[in-house]
Amino acid sequence: GLSSVVEMMIVKSSTVAQNWAVYHKDIGNQYWLQLNSNVAKLGSNPWNSTNPTNNVFSIGTGGVINTNNSINVAYCFTSIPGYSHVGSYLGLGGTTGNVVYVGFEPSFILIKDSTYSGNWALINNKTAPTNPRKTWIRPNLNLAEFTNSVDSMNFSSTGFQVSGTATSDFINRSGATFIFLAIA
């Protein structure tokens, strides 16, 4: 019942021990990410090679999510102008990274390198209230919030800019495709 096509989903079984499965439009319906892991995108046809619509989505039978008819919970996201944006960007690996336009000033950004193994990053404007933002949470790790000494992010009135020279596990690895969810 969303107003437009689902662009990102986070799905978890509530009855069977399974990984958190993440669908993202920019990696396609043949792949998935794990919210509770640092692995790069995985295959195994988790979405039945079917793109979601604004009303339904399909769960594959390859053991990724739909095991023994488990009951699942799904958090579904779509881009809403001025409120949320689901997208991706290419890491440049330098001290001046991409400027990513989302159409509003973000207050919350969830990012994951889909090309290589790397931890998820959650940056927000409450615990990192000023630019450059270096205070992050790693949703896939059992760690407290930390200050990143290598990479950073600047929020602007229309989006964000990543920067940093880390070669792995951060938000600007050269040649890597990073998926994100930004919320105003």
N, C-alpha and C. Protein backbone atom coordinates (compact mmCIF):
# COMPACT_ATOMS: atom_id res chain seq x y z
N GLY A 1 0.77 -1.20 0.00
CA GLY A 1 0.00 0.00 0.00
C GLY A 1 0.81 1.27 0.00
N LEU A 2 2.08 1.23 -0.43
CA LEU A 2 2.85 2.46 -0.56
C LEU A 2 2.37 3.24 -1.77
N SER A 3 2.71 4.51 -1.83
CA SER A 3 2.28 5.34 -2.95
C SER A 3 3.08 5.07 -4.22
N SER A 4 4.21 4.39 -4.10
CA SER A 4 5.02 4.03 -5.26
C SER A 4 5.75 2.73 -4.99
N VAL A 5 6.51 2.25 -5.95
CA VAL A 5 7.19 0.96 -5.89
C VAL A 5 8.18 0.91 -4.73
N VAL A 6 8.22 -0.23 -4.05
CA VAL A 6 9.18 -0.46 -2.97
C VAL A 6 10.59 -0.42 -3.56
N GLU A 7 11.45 0.40 -2.97
CA GLU A 7 12.84 0.52 -3.45
C GLU A 7 13.85 -0.14 -2.52
N MET A 8 13.46 -0.34 -1.28
CA MET A 8 14.33 -1.00 -0.30
C MET A 8 13.45 -1.70 0.71
N MET A 9 13.86 -2.93 1.08
CA MET A 9 13.14 -3.71 2.09
C MET A 9 14.14 -4.32 3.05
N ILE A 10 13.75 -4.39 4.30
CA ILE A 10 14.50 -5.12 5.31
C ILE A 10 13.54 -6.17 5.83
N VAL A 11 13.87 -7.46 5.65
CA VAL A 11 12.96 -8.56 5.97
C VAL A 11 13.64 -9.50 6.96
N LYS A 12 12.86 -9.92 7.98
CA LYS A 12 13.39 -10.82 9.00
C LYS A 12 12.32 -11.79 9.43
N SER A 13 12.67 -13.05 9.57
CA SER A 13 11.74 -14.04 10.10
C SER A 13 11.55 -13.79 11.59
N SER A 14 10.31 -13.89 12.03
CA SER A 14 10.03 -13.77 13.46
C SER A 14 9.86 -15.14 14.11
N THR A 15 9.92 -16.20 13.30
CA THR A 15 9.70 -17.54 13.83
C THR A 15 10.88 -18.50 13.62
N VAL A 16 11.83 -18.14 12.75
CA VAL A 16 12.97 -19.00 12.45
C VAL A 16 14.24 -18.16 12.54
N ALA A 17 15.31 -18.73 13.07
CA ALA A 17 16.59 -18.02 13.15
C ALA A 17 17.14 -17.83 11.74
N GLN A 18 17.09 -16.60 11.24
CA GLN A 18 17.54 -16.25 9.89
C GLN A 18 18.28 -14.92 9.95
N ASN A 19 19.04 -14.65 8.91
CA ASN A 19 19.67 -13.35 8.76
C ASN A 19 18.63 -12.30 8.38
N TRP A 20 18.92 -11.05 8.66
CA TRP A 20 18.12 -9.93 8.18
C TRP A 20 18.43 -9.78 6.69
N ALA A 21 17.45 -9.91 5.84
CA ALA A 21 17.65 -9.81 4.39
C ALA A 21 17.27 -8.41 3.92
N VAL A 22 18.12 -7.83 3.07
CA VAL A 22 17.88 -6.48 2.57
C VAL A 22 17.80 -6.52 1.05
N TYR A 23 16.69 -6.02 0.52
CA TYR A 23 16.53 -5.79 -0.91
C TYR A 23 16.80 -4.31 -1.16
N HIS A 24 17.49 -4.02 -2.26
CA HIS A 24 17.71 -2.63 -2.68
C HIS A 24 17.62 -2.58 -4.20
N LYS A 25 16.87 -1.62 -4.70
CA LYS A 25 16.62 -1.50 -6.13
C LYS A 25 17.90 -1.40 -6.95
N ASP A 26 18.96 -0.84 -6.39
CA ASP A 26 20.18 -0.64 -7.16
C ASP A 26 21.11 -1.84 -7.18
N ILE A 27 20.76 -2.92 -6.46
CA ILE A 27 21.51 -4.17 -6.63
C ILE A 27 20.64 -5.23 -7.29
N GLY A 28 19.33 -5.00 -7.37
CA GLY A 28 18.44 -5.85 -8.15
C GLY A 28 17.82 -7.00 -7.39
N ASN A 29 16.90 -7.67 -8.07
CA ASN A 29 16.13 -8.74 -7.44
C ASN A 29 16.82 -10.10 -7.44
N GLN A 30 18.03 -10.18 -7.96
CA GLN A 30 18.82 -11.42 -7.92
C GLN A 30 19.74 -11.48 -6.71
N TYR A 31 19.83 -10.37 -5.97
CA TYR A 31 20.80 -10.26 -4.88
C TYR A 31 20.16 -9.76 -3.61
N TRP A 32 20.87 -9.91 -2.52
CA TRP A 32 20.44 -9.42 -1.23
C TRP A 32 21.65 -9.08 -0.39
N LEU A 33 21.44 -8.25 0.60
CA LEU A 33 22.46 -7.93 1.60
C LEU A 33 21.97 -8.43 2.95
N GLN A 34 22.88 -8.58 3.89
CA GLN A 34 22.50 -8.98 5.24
C GLN A 34 22.72 -7.81 6.18
N LEU A 35 21.67 -7.36 6.84
CA LEU A 35 21.79 -6.24 7.77
C LEU A 35 22.65 -6.61 8.97
N ASN A 36 22.71 -7.87 9.33
CA ASN A 36 23.47 -8.31 10.49
C ASN A 36 24.85 -8.86 10.11
N SER A 37 25.36 -8.48 8.94
CA SER A 37 26.66 -8.98 8.48
C SER A 37 27.37 -7.91 7.65
N ASN A 38 28.66 -8.09 7.46
CA ASN A 38 29.43 -7.16 6.64
C ASN A 38 29.68 -7.68 5.23
N VAL A 39 29.09 -8.81 4.85
CA VAL A 39 29.36 -9.39 3.53
C VAL A 39 28.81 -8.52 2.41
N ALA A 40 29.44 -8.63 1.25
CA ALA A 40 28.96 -7.94 0.05
C ALA A 40 27.67 -8.60 -0.42
N LYS A 41 27.08 -8.06 -1.48
CA LYS A 41 25.82 -8.62 -1.97
C LYS A 41 25.97 -10.10 -2.28
N LEU A 42 24.89 -10.83 -2.02
CA LEU A 42 24.85 -12.27 -2.20
C LEU A 42 23.80 -12.61 -3.25
N GLY A 43 23.98 -13.76 -3.92
CA GLY A 43 23.00 -14.24 -4.89
C GLY A 43 21.98 -15.13 -4.22
N SER A 44 21.51 -16.14 -4.87
CA SER A 44 20.60 -17.19 -4.41
C SER A 44 19.12 -16.86 -4.60
N ASN A 45 18.81 -15.90 -5.44
CA ASN A 45 17.44 -15.61 -5.85
C ASN A 45 16.48 -15.41 -4.66
N PRO A 46 16.81 -14.50 -3.76
CA PRO A 46 15.97 -14.34 -2.57
C PRO A 46 14.60 -13.72 -2.84
N TRP A 47 14.44 -13.06 -4.00
CA TRP A 47 13.18 -12.35 -4.29
C TRP A 47 12.46 -12.95 -5.49
N ASN A 48 12.75 -14.22 -5.82
CA ASN A 48 12.12 -14.92 -6.95
C ASN A 48 12.31 -14.18 -8.27
N SER A 49 13.42 -13.46 -8.42
CA SER A 49 13.70 -12.68 -9.64
C SER A 49 12.55 -11.75 -9.99
N THR A 50 11.86 -11.25 -8.96
CA THR A 50 10.69 -10.41 -9.15
C THR A 50 10.88 -9.08 -8.44
N ASN A 51 10.71 -8.00 -9.17
CA ASN A 51 10.78 -6.68 -8.54
C ASN A 51 9.52 -6.43 -7.73
N PRO A 52 9.65 -5.78 -6.57
CA PRO A 52 8.45 -5.47 -5.81
C PRO A 52 7.63 -4.38 -6.50
N THR A 53 6.37 -4.30 -6.13
CA THR A 53 5.49 -3.24 -6.62
C THR A 53 5.14 -2.36 -5.42
N ASN A 54 4.15 -1.51 -5.57
CA ASN A 54 3.71 -0.71 -4.42
C ASN A 54 2.78 -1.50 -3.50
N ASN A 55 2.36 -2.70 -3.92
CA ASN A 55 1.44 -3.51 -3.12
C ASN A 55 2.00 -4.86 -2.67
N VAL A 56 2.89 -5.47 -3.44
CA VAL A 56 3.37 -6.81 -3.10
C VAL A 56 4.86 -6.95 -3.38
N PHE A 57 5.46 -7.94 -2.72
CA PHE A 57 6.82 -8.36 -3.03
C PHE A 57 6.89 -9.87 -2.89
N SER A 58 7.88 -10.47 -3.50
CA SER A 58 8.00 -11.92 -3.52
C SER A 58 9.22 -12.36 -2.72
N ILE A 59 9.06 -13.44 -1.97
CA ILE A 59 10.17 -14.02 -1.22
C ILE A 59 10.51 -15.35 -1.85
N GLY A 60 11.79 -15.57 -2.15
CA GLY A 60 12.24 -16.81 -2.77
C GLY A 60 12.17 -17.99 -1.83
N THR A 61 12.44 -19.15 -2.38
CA THR A 61 12.39 -20.38 -1.60
C THR A 61 13.77 -21.00 -1.43
N GLY A 62 14.82 -20.22 -1.69
CA GLY A 62 16.17 -20.74 -1.62
C GLY A 62 16.75 -20.82 -0.23
N GLY A 63 15.95 -20.70 0.82
CA GLY A 63 16.46 -20.83 2.17
C GLY A 63 17.00 -19.53 2.74
N VAL A 64 16.92 -18.45 1.98
CA VAL A 64 17.42 -17.17 2.46
C VAL A 64 16.46 -16.58 3.49
N ILE A 65 15.19 -16.53 3.16
CA ILE A 65 14.20 -15.93 4.04
C ILE A 65 13.06 -16.90 4.33
N ASN A 66 12.53 -17.52 3.28
CA ASN A 66 11.31 -18.32 3.39
C ASN A 66 11.65 -19.77 3.72
N THR A 67 12.03 -20.04 4.95
CA THR A 67 12.36 -21.39 5.38
C THR A 67 11.19 -21.96 6.17
N ASN A 68 10.72 -23.13 5.75
CA ASN A 68 9.64 -23.82 6.46
C ASN A 68 8.44 -22.90 6.72
N ASN A 69 8.09 -22.11 5.72
CA ASN A 69 6.93 -21.22 5.84
C ASN A 69 7.00 -20.31 7.06
N SER A 70 8.16 -19.77 7.31
CA SER A 70 8.33 -18.88 8.45
C SER A 70 7.47 -17.63 8.31
N ILE A 71 7.16 -17.01 9.43
CA ILE A 71 6.44 -15.75 9.45
C ILE A 71 7.47 -14.63 9.45
N ASN A 72 7.32 -13.69 8.53
CA ASN A 72 8.32 -12.63 8.36
C ASN A 72 7.74 -11.26 8.64
N VAL A 73 8.61 -10.36 9.05
CA VAL A 73 8.26 -8.95 9.17
C VAL A 73 9.06 -8.23 8.08
N ALA A 74 8.46 -7.25 7.43
CA ALA A 74 9.15 -6.51 6.36
C ALA A 74 8.98 -5.01 6.58
N TYR A 75 10.09 -4.31 6.53
CA TYR A 75 10.09 -2.85 6.58
C TYR A 75 10.36 -2.39 5.16
N CYS A 76 9.41 -1.69 4.55
CA CYS A 76 9.49 -1.32 3.14
C CYS A 76 9.64 0.19 3.00
N PHE A 77 10.54 0.60 2.11
CA PHE A 77 10.86 2.02 1.92
C PHE A 77 10.77 2.39 0.45
N THR A 78 10.38 3.62 0.20
CA THR A 78 10.36 4.19 -1.14
C THR A 78 10.77 5.65 -1.02
N SER A 79 11.23 6.24 -2.10
CA SER A 79 11.60 7.66 -2.09
C SER A 79 10.36 8.52 -2.10
N ILE A 80 10.30 9.45 -1.16
CA ILE A 80 9.21 10.41 -1.07
C ILE A 80 9.85 11.80 -1.06
N PRO A 81 9.59 12.62 -2.08
CA PRO A 81 10.24 13.94 -2.16
C PRO A 81 10.11 14.72 -0.85
N GLY A 82 11.26 15.21 -0.39
CA GLY A 82 11.31 16.01 0.83
C GLY A 82 11.33 15.21 2.11
N TYR A 83 11.20 13.88 2.01
CA TYR A 83 11.13 13.05 3.22
C TYR A 83 12.12 11.90 3.24
N SER A 84 12.19 11.13 2.15
CA SER A 84 13.09 9.97 2.12
C SER A 84 13.65 9.79 0.71
N HIS A 85 14.82 9.15 0.65
CA HIS A 85 15.44 8.88 -0.65
C HIS A 85 16.22 7.57 -0.56
N VAL A 86 15.94 6.67 -1.50
CA VAL A 86 16.66 5.40 -1.61
C VAL A 86 17.53 5.51 -2.85
N GLY A 87 18.84 5.30 -2.69
CA GLY A 87 19.72 5.46 -3.84
C GLY A 87 21.06 4.78 -3.64
N SER A 88 22.00 5.15 -4.50
CA SER A 88 23.36 4.60 -4.43
C SER A 88 24.33 5.62 -4.99
N TYR A 89 25.61 5.41 -4.70
CA TYR A 89 26.67 6.25 -5.25
C TYR A 89 27.93 5.41 -5.39
N LEU A 90 28.85 5.88 -6.21
CA LEU A 90 30.12 5.21 -6.43
C LEU A 90 31.18 5.87 -5.57
N GLY A 91 31.89 5.08 -4.78
CA GLY A 91 32.97 5.60 -3.94
C GLY A 91 34.14 6.06 -4.79
N LEU A 92 34.73 7.20 -4.43
CA LEU A 92 35.85 7.76 -5.17
C LEU A 92 37.19 7.54 -4.47
N GLY A 93 37.16 7.24 -3.17
CA GLY A 93 38.39 6.94 -2.44
C GLY A 93 39.27 8.12 -2.12
N GLY A 94 38.80 9.33 -2.25
CA GLY A 94 39.63 10.49 -1.98
C GLY A 94 39.11 11.33 -0.85
N THR A 95 39.88 12.37 -0.53
CA THR A 95 39.47 13.24 0.56
C THR A 95 38.24 14.07 0.19
N THR A 96 37.96 14.23 -1.10
CA THR A 96 36.73 14.88 -1.54
C THR A 96 35.92 13.86 -2.34
N GLY A 97 34.85 13.41 -1.75
CA GLY A 97 34.03 12.38 -2.39
C GLY A 97 32.83 12.96 -3.09
N ASN A 98 31.97 12.06 -3.51
CA ASN A 98 30.75 12.44 -4.22
C ASN A 98 29.84 13.35 -3.41
N VAL A 99 29.20 14.26 -4.10
CA VAL A 99 28.09 15.00 -3.54
C VAL A 99 26.84 14.27 -4.01
N VAL A 100 26.03 13.81 -3.05
CA VAL A 100 24.86 13.01 -3.36
C VAL A 100 23.61 13.85 -3.11
N TYR A 101 22.83 14.06 -4.15
CA TYR A 101 21.61 14.87 -4.07
C TYR A 101 20.44 13.99 -3.65
N VAL A 102 19.74 14.38 -2.59
CA VAL A 102 18.54 13.66 -2.17
C VAL A 102 17.32 14.57 -2.12
N GLY A 103 17.53 15.88 -2.23
CA GLY A 103 16.42 16.83 -2.27
C GLY A 103 16.01 17.40 -0.92
N PHE A 104 16.75 17.08 0.14
CA PHE A 104 16.46 17.60 1.48
C PHE A 104 17.71 17.41 2.34
N GLU A 105 17.70 18.03 3.52
CA GLU A 105 18.81 17.80 4.46
C GLU A 105 18.51 16.55 5.26
N PRO A 106 19.37 15.54 5.16
CA PRO A 106 19.10 14.29 5.87
C PRO A 106 19.27 14.46 7.38
N SER A 107 18.53 13.67 8.12
CA SER A 107 18.77 13.57 9.56
C SER A 107 19.25 12.16 9.91
N PHE A 108 19.07 11.22 8.98
CA PHE A 108 19.43 9.82 9.19
C PHE A 108 19.85 9.24 7.85
N ILE A 109 21.02 8.58 7.82
CA ILE A 109 21.47 7.90 6.61
C ILE A 109 22.01 6.53 6.99
N LEU A 110 21.53 5.50 6.31
CA LEU A 110 22.02 4.13 6.46
C LEU A 110 22.73 3.77 5.17
N ILE A 111 24.00 3.34 5.26
CA ILE A 111 24.85 3.09 4.08
C ILE A 111 25.50 1.72 4.18
N LYS A 112 25.66 1.06 3.01
CA LYS A 112 26.37 -0.22 2.95
C LYS A 112 27.10 -0.34 1.62
N ASP A 113 28.34 -0.77 1.67
CA ASP A 113 29.11 -1.11 0.48
C ASP A 113 28.54 -2.42 -0.06
N SER A 114 27.97 -2.41 -1.25
CA SER A 114 27.39 -3.63 -1.81
C SER A 114 28.38 -4.41 -2.68
N THR A 115 29.51 -3.79 -3.01
CA THR A 115 30.49 -4.42 -3.88
C THR A 115 31.47 -5.30 -3.11
N TYR A 116 31.95 -4.80 -1.99
CA TYR A 116 32.95 -5.49 -1.17
C TYR A 116 32.41 -5.68 0.25
N SER A 117 33.04 -6.58 0.99
CA SER A 117 32.69 -6.72 2.40
C SER A 117 32.98 -5.42 3.12
N GLY A 118 32.10 -5.03 4.00
CA GLY A 118 32.27 -3.82 4.78
C GLY A 118 31.07 -3.63 5.68
N ASN A 119 31.29 -3.06 6.83
CA ASN A 119 30.21 -2.88 7.79
C ASN A 119 29.21 -1.82 7.34
N TRP A 120 28.01 -1.94 7.83
CA TRP A 120 26.99 -0.92 7.63
C TRP A 120 27.38 0.32 8.41
N ALA A 121 26.93 1.48 7.98
CA ALA A 121 27.17 2.73 8.71
C ALA A 121 25.84 3.46 8.85
N LEU A 122 25.58 3.92 10.05
CA LEU A 122 24.38 4.71 10.32
C LEU A 122 24.87 6.05 10.89
N ILE A 123 24.58 7.12 10.17
CA ILE A 123 24.99 8.47 10.56
C ILE A 123 23.73 9.28 10.76
N ASN A 124 23.67 10.06 11.85
CA ASN A 124 22.47 10.86 12.09
C ASN A 124 22.86 12.25 12.61
N ASN A 125 21.91 13.15 12.61
CA ASN A 125 22.20 14.53 13.02
C ASN A 125 21.99 14.78 14.50
N LYS A 126 21.66 13.76 15.27
CA LYS A 126 21.48 13.93 16.71
C LYS A 126 22.78 13.66 17.46
N THR A 127 23.45 12.56 17.13
CA THR A 127 24.71 12.25 17.81
C THR A 127 25.91 12.86 17.09
N ALA A 128 25.71 13.28 15.84
CA ALA A 128 26.73 14.00 15.08
C ALA A 128 26.06 15.27 14.54
N PRO A 129 25.89 16.29 15.38
CA PRO A 129 25.07 17.45 15.00
C PRO A 129 25.73 18.45 14.05
N THR A 130 27.05 18.36 13.84
CA THR A 130 27.72 19.34 12.98
C THR A 130 28.64 18.65 11.98
N ASN A 131 28.89 19.33 10.87
CA ASN A 131 29.83 18.85 9.85
C ASN A 131 31.25 19.13 10.31
N PRO A 132 32.21 18.28 9.96
CA PRO A 132 32.04 16.95 9.36
C PRO A 132 31.53 15.96 10.39
N ARG A 133 30.66 15.09 9.96
CA ARG A 133 30.05 14.10 10.85
C ARG A 133 30.91 12.84 10.86
N LYS A 134 31.42 12.52 12.04
CA LYS A 134 32.32 11.38 12.19
C LYS A 134 31.86 10.38 13.25
N THR A 135 30.70 10.63 13.85
CA THR A 135 30.16 9.73 14.87
C THR A 135 29.15 8.81 14.22
N TRP A 136 29.40 7.49 14.30
CA TRP A 136 28.60 6.51 13.60
C TRP A 136 28.18 5.37 14.50
N ILE A 137 27.20 4.64 14.01
CA ILE A 137 26.79 3.38 14.61
C ILE A 137 26.95 2.31 13.53
N ARG A 138 27.38 1.13 13.92
CA ARG A 138 27.47 -0.03 13.02
C ARG A 138 26.34 -1.00 13.35
N PRO A 139 25.22 -0.97 12.62
CA PRO A 139 24.08 -1.83 12.98
C PRO A 139 24.39 -3.32 12.99
N ASN A 140 25.38 -3.75 12.24
CA ASN A 140 25.69 -5.17 12.18
C ASN A 140 26.68 -5.62 13.25
N LEU A 141 27.15 -4.71 14.08
CA LEU A 141 28.12 -5.06 15.11
C LEU A 141 27.56 -4.76 16.50
N ASN A 142 27.99 -5.51 17.47
CA ASN A 142 27.59 -5.31 18.86
C ASN A 142 28.58 -4.35 19.51
N LEU A 143 28.58 -3.10 19.03
CA LEU A 143 29.51 -2.09 19.52
C LEU A 143 28.76 -0.81 19.86
N ALA A 144 29.36 -0.03 20.72
CA ALA A 144 28.81 1.30 20.99
C ALA A 144 29.11 2.22 19.81
N GLU A 145 28.46 3.35 19.80
CA GLU A 145 28.75 4.38 18.79
C GLU A 145 30.23 4.74 18.88
N PHE A 146 30.81 5.08 17.73
CA PHE A 146 32.25 5.40 17.72
C PHE A 146 32.52 6.60 16.85
N THR A 147 33.71 7.18 17.01
CA THR A 147 34.14 8.29 16.17
C THR A 147 35.10 7.75 15.12
N ASN A 148 34.77 7.99 13.86
CA ASN A 148 35.58 7.54 12.74
C ASN A 148 36.68 8.56 12.49
N SER A 149 37.91 8.11 12.50
CA SER A 149 39.04 9.03 12.32
C SER A 149 39.49 9.13 10.87
N VAL A 150 38.93 8.32 9.96
CA VAL A 150 39.39 8.29 8.58
C VAL A 150 38.38 8.91 7.61
N ASP A 151 37.14 8.47 7.67
CA ASP A 151 36.10 8.96 6.76
C ASP A 151 35.14 9.89 7.49
N SER A 152 34.48 10.74 6.73
CA SER A 152 33.48 11.63 7.32
C SER A 152 32.40 11.92 6.30
N MET A 153 31.35 12.60 6.77
CA MET A 153 30.25 12.97 5.91
C MET A 153 29.80 14.38 6.28
N ASN A 154 29.46 15.16 5.27
CA ASN A 154 28.87 16.47 5.47
C ASN A 154 27.44 16.43 4.98
N PHE A 155 26.51 16.91 5.81
CA PHE A 155 25.12 17.06 5.39
C PHE A 155 24.96 18.46 4.83
N SER A 156 24.12 18.59 3.81
CA SER A 156 23.80 19.91 3.25
C SER A 156 22.28 20.03 3.16
N SER A 157 21.81 21.17 2.71
CA SER A 157 20.37 21.37 2.60
C SER A 157 19.73 20.51 1.51
N THR A 158 20.55 19.92 0.61
CA THR A 158 20.02 19.09 -0.47
C THR A 158 20.58 17.67 -0.52
N GLY A 159 21.40 17.29 0.46
CA GLY A 159 21.95 15.95 0.42
C GLY A 159 23.14 15.78 1.34
N PHE A 160 24.14 15.06 0.83
CA PHE A 160 25.33 14.80 1.64
C PHE A 160 26.54 14.58 0.75
N GLN A 161 27.72 14.72 1.36
CA GLN A 161 28.97 14.46 0.67
C GLN A 161 29.82 13.57 1.56
N VAL A 162 30.34 12.49 0.98
CA VAL A 162 31.23 11.59 1.70
C VAL A 162 32.66 11.97 1.39
N SER A 163 33.54 11.70 2.34
CA SER A 163 34.96 11.94 2.09
C SER A 163 35.76 10.98 2.94
N GLY A 164 36.98 10.73 2.52
CA GLY A 164 37.87 9.85 3.26
C GLY A 164 38.65 8.94 2.36
N THR A 165 39.71 8.44 2.90
CA THR A 165 40.64 7.64 2.11
C THR A 165 40.74 6.20 2.59
N ALA A 166 39.82 5.75 3.41
CA ALA A 166 39.86 4.36 3.87
C ALA A 166 39.73 3.43 2.66
N THR A 167 40.47 2.34 2.67
CA THR A 167 40.43 1.41 1.55
C THR A 167 39.38 0.32 1.71
N SER A 168 38.82 0.21 2.89
CA SER A 168 37.75 -0.77 3.08
C SER A 168 36.92 -0.39 4.29
N ASP A 169 35.73 -0.95 4.36
CA ASP A 169 34.90 -0.90 5.55
C ASP A 169 34.36 0.47 5.92
N PHE A 170 34.42 1.43 5.04
CA PHE A 170 33.88 2.74 5.38
C PHE A 170 32.93 3.22 4.30
N ILE A 171 32.92 4.48 3.93
CA ILE A 171 31.85 5.00 3.07
C ILE A 171 32.33 5.61 1.75
N ASN A 172 33.62 5.45 1.42
CA ASN A 172 34.12 6.10 0.20
C ASN A 172 35.17 5.24 -0.51
N ARG A 173 35.10 3.94 -0.38
CA ARG A 173 36.08 3.05 -1.02
C ARG A 173 36.02 3.23 -2.54
N SER A 174 37.16 3.43 -3.15
CA SER A 174 37.24 3.67 -4.59
C SER A 174 36.67 2.50 -5.37
N GLY A 175 35.74 2.79 -6.29
CA GLY A 175 35.17 1.79 -7.17
C GLY A 175 34.03 0.97 -6.58
N ALA A 176 33.72 1.18 -5.32
CA ALA A 176 32.64 0.42 -4.68
C ALA A 176 31.30 1.14 -4.86
N THR A 177 30.25 0.35 -5.03
CA THR A 177 28.90 0.91 -5.08
C THR A 177 28.30 0.84 -3.68
N PHE A 178 27.89 1.98 -3.17
CA PHE A 178 27.29 2.09 -1.86
C PHE A 178 25.80 2.34 -2.01
N ILE A 179 25.00 1.53 -1.35
CA ILE A 179 23.55 1.75 -1.33
C ILE A 179 23.23 2.55 -0.08
N PHE A 180 22.14 3.32 -0.13
CA PHE A 180 21.78 4.10 1.06
C PHE A 180 20.29 4.33 1.17
N LEU A 181 19.87 4.64 2.38
CA LEU A 181 18.53 5.11 2.70
C LEU A 181 18.73 6.40 3.48
N ALA A 182 18.21 7.51 2.98
CA ALA A 182 18.28 8.79 3.68
C ALA A 182 16.88 9.22 4.07
N ILE A 183 16.75 9.73 5.30
CA ILE A 183 15.46 10.21 5.80
C ILE A 183 15.65 11.60 6.35
N ALA A 184 14.69 12.49 6.07
CA ALA A 184 14.77 13.88 6.51
C ALA A 184 14.58 13.99 8.02
